Structures are given as structure tokens and as C-alpha cells.
Amino acid sequence: MLLTEQKQQEVIKNFGRHERDTGSPEVQIVLLTKRIEALNEHFKKFKKDTNSRRGFLKLIGQRRKLLKYLQIENPAKYQEIIKKLNLRK
């Protein structure tokens, strides 16, 4: 369920500012989105897993805060990430 090292490196390569970038909001948003998608698949199978659901909701809140920050600081990058990840309809 967790992202493999190879997938993380691929995300960093595509969205990061440099090759070892893990702290920029863009990379954090993408990594959180991947974790959220994996947990969403988990909940399709295990509907009553309320303990994991709490962590899931915390991840969503964390991603929301990062998106809000990015929207204020760099609106162009925000729009690019929203389009690539297909987050807003």
C-alpha cells in the first residue's frame, strides 16, 4: 500500500525542484495524493476500518492546507498541479 522508493523518486523527478527535493509543497501534495488514493482503495475493501479512516482524514486536511499555501504563494504552480492530479472538477 505504501509508495515504493522507485515511485517516490519518480514523483520527485516529475514535480520536484531538484533531484533530492522532498520538502517543496508540490512534492508533498503529490505524495499525499498517492497515499490518499491507496487508502481510498483500501476502504473500498474494508468499509468498517474506522481507525485508518481517522488517519485518512488527517492526510486530506494536510493536503488541503498545502494546496491553500501553494495557491497563495504560487498560483501558476497550483493550477498546474490541480490539472495534473485531476483534483478539482
Foldseek 3Di string as FASTA:
>chain_A
DADDPVVLQVLCVVQNPDNPDCPQLRSLLVNLLVVLVVVVVVCVVVVPPVVVVVVSVVSVVVSVVSLVVCCVVPVVSSVVSCVVSVPDD
